[in-house]
Protein backbone atom coordinates (compact mmCIF):
# COMPACT_ATOMS: atom_id res chain seq x y z
CA UNK A 1 79.55 101.79 96.70
CA UNK A 2 78.92 98.16 97.52
CA UNK A 3 81.35 96.98 94.85
CA UNK A 4 84.18 99.07 96.30
CA UNK A 5 83.47 97.66 99.77
CA UNK A 6 83.66 94.12 98.41
CA UNK A 7 86.96 94.89 96.69
CA UNK A 8 88.41 96.22 99.92
CA UNK A 9 87.48 93.00 101.70
CA UNK A 10 88.85 90.80 98.91
CA UNK A 11 92.28 92.45 99.04
CA UNK A 12 92.90 93.61 102.61
CA UNK A 13 95.53 96.28 102.92
CA UNK A 14 95.07 97.53 99.36
CA UNK A 15 93.59 100.88 98.43
CA UNK A 16 90.15 101.22 96.90
CA UNK A 17 90.05 103.59 93.90
CA UNK A 18 87.70 106.48 94.60
CA UNK A 19 88.34 108.30 91.34
CA UNK A 20 84.73 108.10 90.17
CA UNK A 21 83.50 110.78 92.57
CA UNK A 22 86.46 113.09 91.99
CA UNK A 23 84.66 115.63 89.75
CA UNK A 24 81.87 116.06 92.27
CA UNK A 25 84.40 116.43 95.08
CA UNK A 26 86.27 119.16 93.17
CA UNK A 27 83.06 121.08 92.57
CA UNK A 28 82.14 120.73 96.24
CA UNK A 29 85.60 121.94 97.30
CA UNK A 30 85.27 125.02 95.11
CA UNK A 31 81.94 125.96 96.65
CA UNK A 32 82.66 125.03 100.28
CA UNK A 33 86.22 126.30 100.52
CA UNK A 34 86.67 128.86 97.74
CA UNK A 35 89.71 130.64 99.21
CA UNK A 36 91.62 127.42 99.83
CA UNK A 37 90.75 126.21 96.33
CA UNK A 38 91.80 129.52 94.80
CA UNK A 39 95.12 129.47 96.67
CA UNK A 40 95.77 125.92 95.50
CA UNK A 41 94.86 126.76 91.91
CA UNK A 42 96.98 129.92 91.80
CA UNK A 43 100.04 128.55 93.58
CA UNK A 44 100.08 125.48 91.32
CA UNK A 45 100.74 123.19 94.26
CA UNK A 46 100.28 119.68 93.08
CA UNK A 47 101.57 117.71 96.01
CA UNK A 48 104.84 116.96 97.70
CA UNK A 49 107.76 116.30 95.36
CA UNK A 50 109.56 113.17 96.50
CA UNK A 51 111.31 110.18 94.98
CA UNK A 52 109.13 107.76 96.95
CA UNK A 53 105.74 106.80 95.64
CA UNK A 54 102.58 106.81 97.71
CA UNK A 55 102.39 103.53 99.69
CA UNK A 56 100.51 100.75 97.94
CA UNK A 57 98.94 99.19 101.00
CA UNK A 58 98.53 99.27 104.76
CA UNK A 59 101.50 96.99 105.37
CA UNK A 60 103.78 99.33 103.45
CA UNK A 61 102.42 102.30 105.44
CA UNK A 62 103.20 100.46 108.68
CA UNK A 63 106.74 99.70 107.52
CA UNK A 64 107.41 103.32 106.52
CA UNK A 65 105.86 104.57 109.77
CA UNK A 66 108.15 102.28 111.79
CA UNK A 67 111.19 103.65 109.96
CA UNK A 68 110.24 107.33 110.32
CA UNK A 69 112.15 109.27 113.00
CA UNK A 70 110.17 110.94 115.78
CA UNK A 71 111.26 114.11 117.57
CA UNK A 72 110.47 115.89 120.83
CA UNK A 73 110.30 119.69 120.80
CA UNK A 74 108.90 122.84 122.38
CA UNK A 75 107.43 125.62 120.29
CA UNK A 76 108.97 129.04 120.85
CA UNK A 77 105.64 130.43 122.09
CA UNK A 78 105.07 127.55 124.56
CA UNK A 79 106.26 127.44 128.14
CA UNK A 80 109.52 125.42 128.36
CA UNK A 81 107.70 122.69 130.32
CA UNK A 82 105.33 122.02 127.38
CA UNK A 83 106.70 119.24 125.17
CA UNK A 84 105.41 117.84 121.88
CA UNK A 85 106.29 114.58 120.12
CA UNK A 86 105.88 113.51 116.53
CA UNK A 87 107.45 113.42 113.11
CA UNK A 88 108.88 116.44 111.38
CA UNK A 89 106.80 117.47 108.37
CA UNK A 90 109.75 116.96 106.02
CA UNK A 91 110.25 113.39 107.26
CA UNK A 92 106.53 112.67 106.89
CA UNK A 93 106.48 114.02 103.33
CA UNK A 94 109.60 112.05 102.41
CA UNK A 95 108.19 108.83 103.88
CA UNK A 96 104.70 108.94 102.42
CA UNK A 97 104.65 111.47 99.57
CA UNK A 98 101.35 112.88 100.83
CA UNK A 99 100.10 116.44 101.22
CA UNK A 100 100.54 119.71 99.40
CA UNK A 101 103.69 120.86 101.18
CA UNK A 102 106.55 119.46 103.22
CA UNK A 103 106.18 122.23 105.80
CA UNK A 104 102.96 120.97 107.39
CA UNK A 105 101.33 117.61 108.03
CA UNK A 106 97.69 117.61 107.00
CA UNK A 107 95.34 116.21 109.63
CA UNK A 108 93.67 114.08 106.95
CA UNK A 109 97.02 112.60 105.89
CA UNK A 110 98.12 111.93 109.47
CA UNK A 111 94.79 110.28 110.27
CA UNK A 112 94.92 108.19 107.10
CA UNK A 113 98.43 106.97 107.87
CA UNK A 114 97.43 106.09 111.44
CA UNK A 115 94.29 104.24 110.31
CA UNK A 116 96.19 102.26 107.66
CA UNK A 117 98.86 101.31 110.22
CA UNK A 118 96.16 100.25 112.71
CA UNK A 119 94.55 98.06 110.05
CA UNK A 120 97.90 96.41 109.29
CA UNK A 121 98.55 95.82 112.99
CA UNK A 122 95.05 94.39 113.44
CA UNK A 123 95.59 91.90 110.61
CA UNK A 124 98.92 90.85 112.14
CA UNK A 125 97.30 90.45 115.56
CA UNK A 126 94.52 88.26 114.16
CA UNK A 127 97.09 86.08 112.37
CA UNK A 128 99.14 85.70 115.56
CA UNK A 129 96.06 84.90 117.66
CA UNK A 130 95.08 82.21 115.16
CA UNK A 131 98.57 80.75 115.26
CA UNK A 132 98.62 80.74 119.08
CA UNK A 133 95.22 79.00 119.16
CA UNK A 134 96.50 76.32 116.75
CA UNK A 135 99.65 75.79 118.82
CA UNK A 136 97.60 75.47 122.03
CA UNK A 137 95.29 72.93 120.50
CA UNK A 138 98.28 70.95 119.16
CA UNK A 139 99.90 71.04 122.61
CA UNK A 140 96.71 69.79 124.28
CA UNK A 141 96.55 66.88 121.85
CA UNK A 142 100.00 65.74 122.96
């Protein structure tokens, strides 16, 4: 676990491979959520089919998120005054290639995309703050 944390710090914005615990996670999924696992196994869903690959880093996630269209809508069962905003599931699937279907956005996928974008924005903010501090110190020296 420590080695993967060090790798994440060495290459910010890059994904850490978590494939080593995959067998244990599959076994846990079968025992904790047997109906969901059975549905996935029987329907042969193996993820969203798209031409775009999964983003390689947080900066790429931020770029794709910035390009993704957002919509405003009201569900048919909601009162007309109730409005919702966000991406359409098809646009999300096309942009990121995540999830098991292009008809729903998984909460885990949406949270992961948001966290990666926040990390990319944080790194950009730190870089800009450093640059501003350098410019201020150079201005004071004049």
